[in-house]
Amino acid sequence: MIAMSIVPFFQWALPACEYFTDIILSCSTEKCNSEVEKWRTNAPGAMDWTHAAKMICEIEGNGESWIEKQITFQKKIKQVLTYDLSKRNPFSPTVLPQADCLLLPHCLDCHMMTKEGFCSALKNISSQLKKGGHLILILGFEGTFYMVGSCKFPHLALDEGFVKKALGDADYDIKELQLVPRQTESLYDVTDYQGFFYVNACKK
């Protein structure tokens, strides 16, 4: 499995350690990857994501210790790589075997500024997935910006019709697509998204 993120936070991928023996994590910057490596090796000064691990174990409700879960996850991480979605091989110069599963929360909608760029990036990352493998996407719905501190970043505004067409054109069979509306009317000064897409698609 290859899990990608725009930030050095991968606790959302913890449940996957029950199903995959080899996990590759990837951020778009060396700084983020450095933080991930510190967390993976329990190095001094590493970010503390204990609260997230505890929450995930509570949601799963199987009685597993969050410490055991986190140790299992860390042991299964084989590499931490930098990605560039504009490249045919986003992990160049590293060449990876095609994966059984790709997890991409907010990578395409936060990095790509045009729908053409979105489609190109989708095809690039799809080269890393086996036929019959699954692509798991989390995308913002109709958002145009998000804030990080005082810095404002653009967000690609997406709608359901476009997402379905882009996946079809990239040779995917959509197994599940859920649109979850925004649950709060507050924090519109931080981001103006209207909801999230959760997508499970199988590569033909």
C-alpha atoms as a PDB file:
ATOM      1  CA  MET A   1       0.000   0.000   0.000  1.00  0.00           C
ATOM      2  CA  ILE A   2       1.119   3.534  -0.757  1.00  0.00           C
ATOM      3  CA  ALA A   3      -0.321   6.246   1.491  1.00  0.00           C
ATOM      4  CA  MET A   4       0.210   9.875   0.486  1.00  0.00           C
ATOM      5  CA  SER A   5      -0.424  13.077   2.410  1.00  0.00           C
ATOM      6  CA  ILE A   6      -0.013  16.830   2.148  1.00  0.00           C
ATOM      7  CA  VAL A   7       1.074  16.961   5.825  1.00  0.00           C
ATOM      8  CA  PRO A   8       3.293  14.739   8.033  1.00  0.00           C
ATOM      9  CA  PHE A   9       0.281  12.975   9.526  1.00  0.00           C
ATOM     10  CA  PHE A  10      -0.666   9.390   8.645  1.00  0.00           C
ATOM     11  CA  GLN A  11      -2.688   8.180  11.606  1.00  0.00           C
ATOM     12  CA  TRP A  12      -5.762   7.924   9.343  1.00  0.00           C
ATOM     13  CA  ALA A  13      -3.882   5.015   7.679  1.00  0.00           C
ATOM     14  CA  LEU A  14      -3.499   3.068  10.945  1.00  0.00           C
ATOM     15  CA  PRO A  15      -6.368   0.621  10.206  1.00  0.00           C
ATOM     16  CA  ALA A  16      -4.602  -0.413   6.975  1.00  0.00           C
ATOM     17  CA  CYS A  17      -1.791  -2.093   8.919  1.00  0.00           C
ATOM     18  CA  GLU A  18      -4.192  -4.971   9.578  1.00  0.00           C
ATOM     19  CA  TYR A  19      -4.413  -5.714   5.851  1.00  0.00           C
ATOM     20  CA  PHE A  20      -1.038  -4.824   4.312  1.00  0.00           C
ATOM     21  CA  THR A  21       2.434  -6.118   5.138  1.00  0.00           C
ATOM     22  CA  ASP A  22       4.399  -3.443   3.257  1.00  0.00           C
ATOM     23  CA  ILE A  23       3.419   0.213   3.575  1.00  0.00           C
ATOM     24  CA  ILE A  24       5.053   3.198   1.873  1.00  0.00           C
ATOM     25  CA  LEU A  25       4.350   6.714   3.133  1.00  0.00           C
ATOM     26  CA  SER A  26       4.875   9.794   1.006  1.00  0.00           C
ATOM     27  CA  CYS A  27       4.655  13.558   1.464  1.00  0.00           C
ATOM     28  CA  SER A  28       5.325  16.262  -1.108  1.00  0.00           C
ATOM     29  CA  THR A  29       8.202  17.921   0.796  1.00  0.00           C
ATOM     30  CA  GLU A  30      11.423  16.713   2.379  1.00  0.00           C
ATOM     31  CA  LYS A  31      10.569  18.642   5.559  1.00  0.00           C
ATOM     32  CA  CYS A  32       7.341  16.699   6.015  1.00  0.00           C
ATOM     33  CA  ASN A  33       9.084  13.413   5.282  1.00  0.00           C
ATOM     34  CA  SER A  34      11.730  14.239   7.865  1.00  0.00           C
ATOM     35  CA  GLU A  35       8.987  14.658  10.468  1.00  0.00           C
ATOM     36  CA  VAL A  36       7.408  11.357   9.426  1.00  0.00           C
ATOM     37  CA  GLU A  37      10.761   9.575   9.778  1.00  0.00           C
ATOM     38  CA  LYS A  38      11.214  11.019  13.259  1.00  0.00           C
ATOM     39  CA  TRP A  39       7.788   9.744  14.252  1.00  0.00           C
ATOM     40  CA  ARG A  40       8.361   6.336  12.631  1.00  0.00           C
ATOM     41  CA  THR A  41      11.611   5.798  14.554  1.00  0.00           C
ATOM     42  CA  ASN A  42      10.432   7.466  17.783  1.00  0.00           C
ATOM     43  CA  ALA A  43      13.274   9.955  17.504  1.00  0.00           C
ATOM     44  CA  PRO A  44      13.623  12.838  19.993  1.00  0.00           C
ATOM     45  CA  GLY A  45      11.431  15.791  19.065  1.00  0.00           C
ATOM     46  CA  ALA A  46       9.003  13.686  17.018  1.00  0.00           C
ATOM     47  CA  MET A  47       5.418  14.893  16.770  1.00  0.00           C
ATOM     48  CA  ASP A  48       3.059  13.259  19.253  1.00  0.00           C
ATOM     49  CA  TRP A  49       0.013  11.786  17.502  1.00  0.00           C
ATOM     50  CA  THR A  50      -1.098   9.739  20.519  1.00  0.00           C
ATOM     51  CA  HIS A  51      -4.537  11.354  20.588  1.00  0.00           C
ATOM     52  CA  ALA A  52      -5.192  10.343  16.982  1.00  0.00           C
ATOM     53  CA  ALA A  53      -4.114   6.733  17.537  1.00  0.00           C
ATOM     54  CA  LYS A  54      -6.344   6.502  20.604  1.00  0.00           C
ATOM     55  CA  MET A  55      -9.325   7.937  18.732  1.00  0.00           C
ATOM     56  CA  ILE A  56      -8.945   5.477  15.843  1.00  0.00           C
ATOM     57  CA  CYS A  57      -8.772   2.498  18.201  1.00  0.00           C
ATOM     58  CA  GLU A  58     -11.885   3.766  19.988  1.00  0.00           C
ATOM     59  CA  ILE A  59     -13.742   4.084  16.669  1.00  0.00           C
ATOM     60  CA  GLU A  60     -12.741   0.552  15.643  1.00  0.00           C
ATOM     61  CA  GLY A  61     -13.924  -0.684  19.031  1.00  0.00           C
ATOM     62  CA  ASN A  62     -12.006  -3.971  18.957  1.00  0.00           C
ATOM     63  CA  GLY A  63     -10.252  -3.446  22.295  1.00  0.00           C
ATOM     64  CA  GLU A  64      -6.806  -3.243  20.721  1.00  0.00           C
ATOM     65  CA  SER A  65      -4.229  -1.125  22.505  1.00  0.00           C
ATOM     66  CA  TRP A  66      -3.380   2.035  20.587  1.00  0.00           C
ATOM     67  CA  ILE A  67       0.271   1.460  21.500  1.00  0.00           C
ATOM     68  CA  GLU A  68       0.252  -2.006  19.908  1.00  0.00           C
ATOM     69  CA  LYS A  69      -1.531  -0.625  16.855  1.00  0.00           C
ATOM     70  CA  GLN A  70       0.980   2.174  16.402  1.00  0.00           C
ATOM     71  CA  ILE A  71       3.977  -0.164  16.825  1.00  0.00           C
ATOM     72  CA  THR A  72       2.533  -2.552  14.232  1.00  0.00           C
ATOM     73  CA  PHE A  73       1.993   0.332  11.817  1.00  0.00           C
ATOM     74  CA  GLN A  74       5.517   1.683  12.305  1.00  0.00           C
ATOM     75  CA  LYS A  75       7.078  -1.734  11.707  1.00  0.00           C
ATOM     76  CA  LYS A  76       5.244  -2.160   8.411  1.00  0.00           C
ATOM     77  CA  ILE A  77       6.438   1.177   6.988  1.00  0.00           C
ATOM     78  CA  LYS A  78       9.182   0.211   4.535  1.00  0.00           C
ATOM     79  CA  GLN A  79       9.983   3.600   2.967  1.00  0.00           C
ATOM     80  CA  VAL A  80       9.171   7.286   3.309  1.00  0.00           C
ATOM     81  CA  LEU A  81       9.368   9.027  -0.073  1.00  0.00           C
ATOM     82  CA  THR A  82       8.764  12.440  -1.606  1.00  0.00           C
ATOM     83  CA  TYR A  83       6.162  12.651  -4.361  1.00  0.00           C
ATOM     84  CA  ASP A  84       5.654  15.029  -7.278  1.00  0.00           C
ATOM     85  CA  LEU A  85       2.306  14.506  -8.985  1.00  0.00           C
ATOM     86  CA  SER A  86       3.435  16.389 -12.106  1.00  0.00           C
ATOM     87  CA  LYS A  87       5.818  13.506 -12.976  1.00  0.00           C
ATOM     88  CA  ARG A  88       4.841  10.343 -14.807  1.00  0.00           C
ATOM     89  CA  ASN A  89       6.525   8.484 -11.941  1.00  0.00           C
ATOM     90  CA  PRO A  90       5.592  10.639  -8.939  1.00  0.00           C
ATOM     91  CA  PHE A  91       8.302   8.978  -6.805  1.00  0.00           C
ATOM     92  CA  SER A  92      11.159   9.457  -9.296  1.00  0.00           C
ATOM     93  CA  PRO A  93      14.003   8.572  -9.145  1.00  0.00           C
ATOM     94  CA  THR A  94      12.729   5.687  -6.973  1.00  0.00           C
ATOM     95  CA  VAL A  95      10.979   2.982  -8.989  1.00  0.00           C
ATOM     96  CA  LEU A  96       8.411   1.055  -6.966  1.00  0.00           C
ATOM     97  CA  PRO A  97       6.521  -2.141  -7.736  1.00  0.00           C
ATOM     98  CA  GLN A  98       2.876  -1.399  -8.438  1.00  0.00           C
ATOM     99  CA  ALA A  99       0.807  -1.308  -5.263  1.00  0.00           C
ATOM    100  CA  ASP A 100      -2.395  -3.095  -4.298  1.00  0.00           C
ATOM    101  CA  CYS A 101      -3.862   0.112  -2.870  1.00  0.00           C
ATOM    102  CA  LEU A 102      -3.308   3.873  -3.054  1.00  0.00           C
ATOM    103  CA  LEU A 103      -4.609   6.185  -0.313  1.00  0.00           C
ATOM    104  CA  LEU A 104      -4.756   9.869  -1.255  1.00  0.00           C
ATOM    105  CA  PRO A 105      -6.538  12.198   1.175  1.00  0.00           C
ATOM    106  CA  HIS A 106      -6.664  15.722  -0.313  1.00  0.00           C
ATOM    107  CA  CYS A 107      -3.531  15.285  -2.443  1.00  0.00           C
ATOM    108  CA  LEU A 108      -5.175  15.916  -5.808  1.00  0.00           C
ATOM    109  CA  ASP A 109      -7.528  18.736  -4.831  1.00  0.00           C
ATOM    110  CA  CYS A 110      -4.980  20.653  -2.750  1.00  0.00           C
ATOM    111  CA  HIS A 111      -2.013  20.308  -5.134  1.00  0.00           C
ATOM    112  CA  MET A 112      -3.684  20.703  -8.516  1.00  0.00           C
ATOM    113  CA  MET A 113      -4.965  24.149  -9.475  1.00  0.00           C
ATOM    114  CA  THR A 114      -6.819  23.164 -12.669  1.00  0.00           C
ATOM    115  CA  LYS A 115      -9.089  20.297 -13.652  1.00  0.00           C
ATOM    116  CA  GLU A 116      -6.663  19.442 -16.446  1.00  0.00           C
ATOM    117  CA  GLY A 117      -3.878  19.207 -13.879  1.00  0.00           C
ATOM    118  CA  PHE A 118      -6.102  17.028 -11.669  1.00  0.00           C
ATOM    119  CA  CYS A 119      -6.694  14.564 -14.498  1.00  0.00           C
ATOM    120  CA  SER A 120      -3.013  14.481 -15.440  1.00  0.00           C
ATOM    121  CA  ALA A 121      -1.956  13.889 -11.825  1.00  0.00           C
ATOM    122  CA  LEU A 122      -4.580  11.153 -11.449  1.00  0.00           C
ATOM    123  CA  LYS A 123      -3.177   9.313 -14.462  1.00  0.00           C
ATOM    124  CA  ASN A 124       0.393   9.749 -13.174  1.00  0.00           C
ATOM    125  CA  ILE A 125      -0.304   8.289  -9.757  1.00  0.00           C
ATOM    126  CA  SER A 126      -2.430   5.539 -11.301  1.00  0.00           C
ATOM    127  CA  SER A 127       0.716   4.193 -12.965  1.00  0.00           C
ATOM    128  CA  GLN A 128       1.747   3.062  -9.461  1.00  0.00           C
ATOM    129  CA  LEU A 129      -1.369   0.895  -8.965  1.00  0.00           C
ATOM    130  CA  LYS A 130      -1.890  -2.701 -10.107  1.00  0.00           C
ATOM    131  CA  LYS A 131      -4.826  -3.632 -12.304  1.00  0.00           C
ATOM    132  CA  GLY A 132      -7.549  -4.663  -9.890  1.00  0.00           C
ATOM    133  CA  GLY A 133      -5.985  -2.484  -7.189  1.00  0.00           C
ATOM    134  CA  HIS A 134      -7.988   0.080  -5.255  1.00  0.00           C
ATOM    135  CA  LEU A 135      -7.685   3.853  -5.213  1.00  0.00           C
ATOM    136  CA  ILE A 136      -9.053   5.508  -2.068  1.00  0.00           C
ATOM    137  CA  LEU A 137      -9.617   9.254  -2.386  1.00  0.00           C
ATOM    138  CA  ILE A 138     -10.773  11.952  -0.001  1.00  0.00           C
ATOM    139  CA  LEU A 139     -11.577  15.180  -1.834  1.00  0.00           C
ATOM    140  CA  GLY A 140     -13.058  18.503  -0.863  1.00  0.00           C
ATOM    141  CA  PHE A 141     -16.401  19.379  -2.460  1.00  0.00           C
ATOM    142  CA  GLU A 142     -16.745  22.872  -4.003  1.00  0.00           C
ATOM    143  CA  GLY A 143     -13.974  24.406  -1.918  1.00  0.00           C
ATOM    144  CA  THR A 144     -11.888  27.295  -3.257  1.00  0.00           C
ATOM    145  CA  PHE A 145      -9.385  27.966  -0.451  1.00  0.00           C
ATOM    146  CA  TYR A 146      -8.009  26.848   2.901  1.00  0.00           C
ATOM    147  CA  MET A 147      -5.903  28.620   5.507  1.00  0.00           C
ATOM    148  CA  VAL A 148      -2.764  27.432   7.271  1.00  0.00           C
ATOM    149  CA  GLY A 149      -2.110  30.000   9.957  1.00  0.00           C
ATOM    150  CA  SER A 150      -2.148  33.346   8.191  1.00  0.00           C
ATOM    151  CA  CYS A 151      -1.344  31.841   4.780  1.00  0.00           C
ATOM    152  CA  LYS A 152      -4.153  31.346   2.264  1.00  0.00           C
ATOM    153  CA  PHE A 153      -3.903  28.521  -0.269  1.00  0.00           C
ATOM    154  CA  PRO A 154      -6.106  27.826  -3.294  1.00  0.00           C
ATOM    155  CA  HIS A 155      -8.225  24.671  -3.436  1.00  0.00           C
ATOM    156  CA  LEU A 156      -9.558  23.141  -6.624  1.00  0.00           C
ATOM    157  CA  ALA A 157     -13.361  23.339  -6.704  1.00  0.00           C
ATOM    158  CA  LEU A 158     -14.735  19.881  -7.552  1.00  0.00           C
ATOM    159  CA  ASP A 159     -18.199  18.539  -8.237  1.00  0.00           C
ATOM    160  CA  GLU A 160     -19.531  14.990  -8.428  1.00  0.00           C
ATOM    161  CA  GLY A 161     -19.910  14.923 -12.197  1.00  0.00           C
ATOM    162  CA  PHE A 162     -16.305  15.929 -12.786  1.00  0.00           C
ATOM    163  CA  VAL A 163     -14.919  13.438 -10.264  1.00  0.00           C
ATOM    164  CA  LYS A 164     -16.872  10.571 -11.855  1.00  0.00           C
ATOM    165  CA  LYS A 165     -15.744  11.524 -15.375  1.00  0.00           C
ATOM    166  CA  ALA A 166     -12.092  11.928 -14.337  1.00  0.00           C
ATOM    167  CA  LEU A 167     -12.061   8.477 -12.758  1.00  0.00           C
ATOM    168  CA  GLY A 168     -13.788   6.924 -15.751  1.00  0.00           C
ATOM    169  CA  ASP A 169     -11.323   8.532 -18.156  1.00  0.00           C
ATOM    170  CA  ALA A 170      -8.456   7.187 -16.013  1.00  0.00           C
ATOM    171  CA  ASP A 171      -9.890   3.669 -16.429  1.00  0.00           C
ATOM    172  CA  TYR A 172     -11.407   3.180 -12.993  1.00  0.00           C
ATOM    173  CA  ASP A 173     -14.564   1.404 -11.954  1.00  0.00           C
ATOM    174  CA  ILE A 174     -16.128   3.368  -9.086  1.00  0.00           C
ATOM    175  CA  LYS A 175     -17.157   0.957  -6.338  1.00  0.00           C
ATOM    176  CA  GLU A 176     -18.327   3.597  -3.879  1.00  0.00           C
ATOM    177  CA  LEU A 177     -18.646   7.382  -3.913  1.00  0.00           C
ATOM    178  CA  GLN A 178     -20.095   9.174  -0.917  1.00  0.00           C
ATOM    179  CA  LEU A 179     -20.679  12.897  -0.591  1.00  0.00           C
ATOM    180  CA  VAL A 180     -20.710  13.957   3.040  1.00  0.00           C
ATOM    181  CA  PRO A 181     -22.040  17.505   3.502  1.00  0.00           C
ATOM    182  CA  ARG A 182     -20.262  19.964   5.753  1.00  0.00           C
ATOM    183  CA  GLN A 183     -21.490  19.563   9.315  1.00  0.00           C
ATOM    184  CA  THR A 184     -20.732  23.038  10.659  1.00  0.00           C
ATOM    185  CA  GLU A 185     -21.476  26.588   9.593  1.00  0.00           C
ATOM    186  CA  SER A 186     -18.479  27.929  11.486  1.00  0.00           C
ATOM    187  CA  LEU A 187     -14.854  28.378  10.350  1.00  0.00           C
ATOM    188  CA  TYR A 188     -15.728  29.575   6.842  1.00  0.00           C
ATOM    189  CA  ASP A 189     -12.847  32.013   7.257  1.00  0.00           C
ATOM    190  CA  VAL A 190     -10.529  28.959   7.437  1.00  0.00           C
ATOM    191  CA  THR A 191     -11.940  27.024   4.469  1.00  0.00           C
ATOM    192  CA  ASP A 192     -15.103  27.251   2.382  1.00  0.00           C
ATOM    193  CA  TYR A 193     -15.532  23.614   1.327  1.00  0.00           C
ATOM    194  CA  GLN A 194     -19.135  22.374   1.240  1.00  0.00           C
ATOM    195  CA  GLY A 195     -18.397  18.734   2.056  1.00  0.00           C
ATOM    196  CA  PHE A 196     -16.155  15.777   1.275  1.00  0.00           C
ATOM    197  CA  PHE A 197     -16.056  13.062  -1.366  1.00  0.00           C
ATOM    198  CA  TYR A 198     -15.038   9.609  -0.177  1.00  0.00           C
ATOM    199  CA  VAL A 199     -14.181   7.442  -3.162  1.00  0.00           C
ATOM    200  CA  ASN A 200     -13.263   3.778  -3.579  1.00  0.00           C
ATOM    201  CA  ALA A 201     -12.373   2.975  -7.171  1.00  0.00           C
ATOM    202  CA  CYS A 202     -10.898  -0.166  -8.768  1.00  0.00           C
ATOM    203  CA  LYS A 203      -8.353   0.062 -11.595  1.00  0.00           C
ATOM    204  CA  LYS A 204      -9.546  -1.839 -14.663  1.00  0.00           C
END
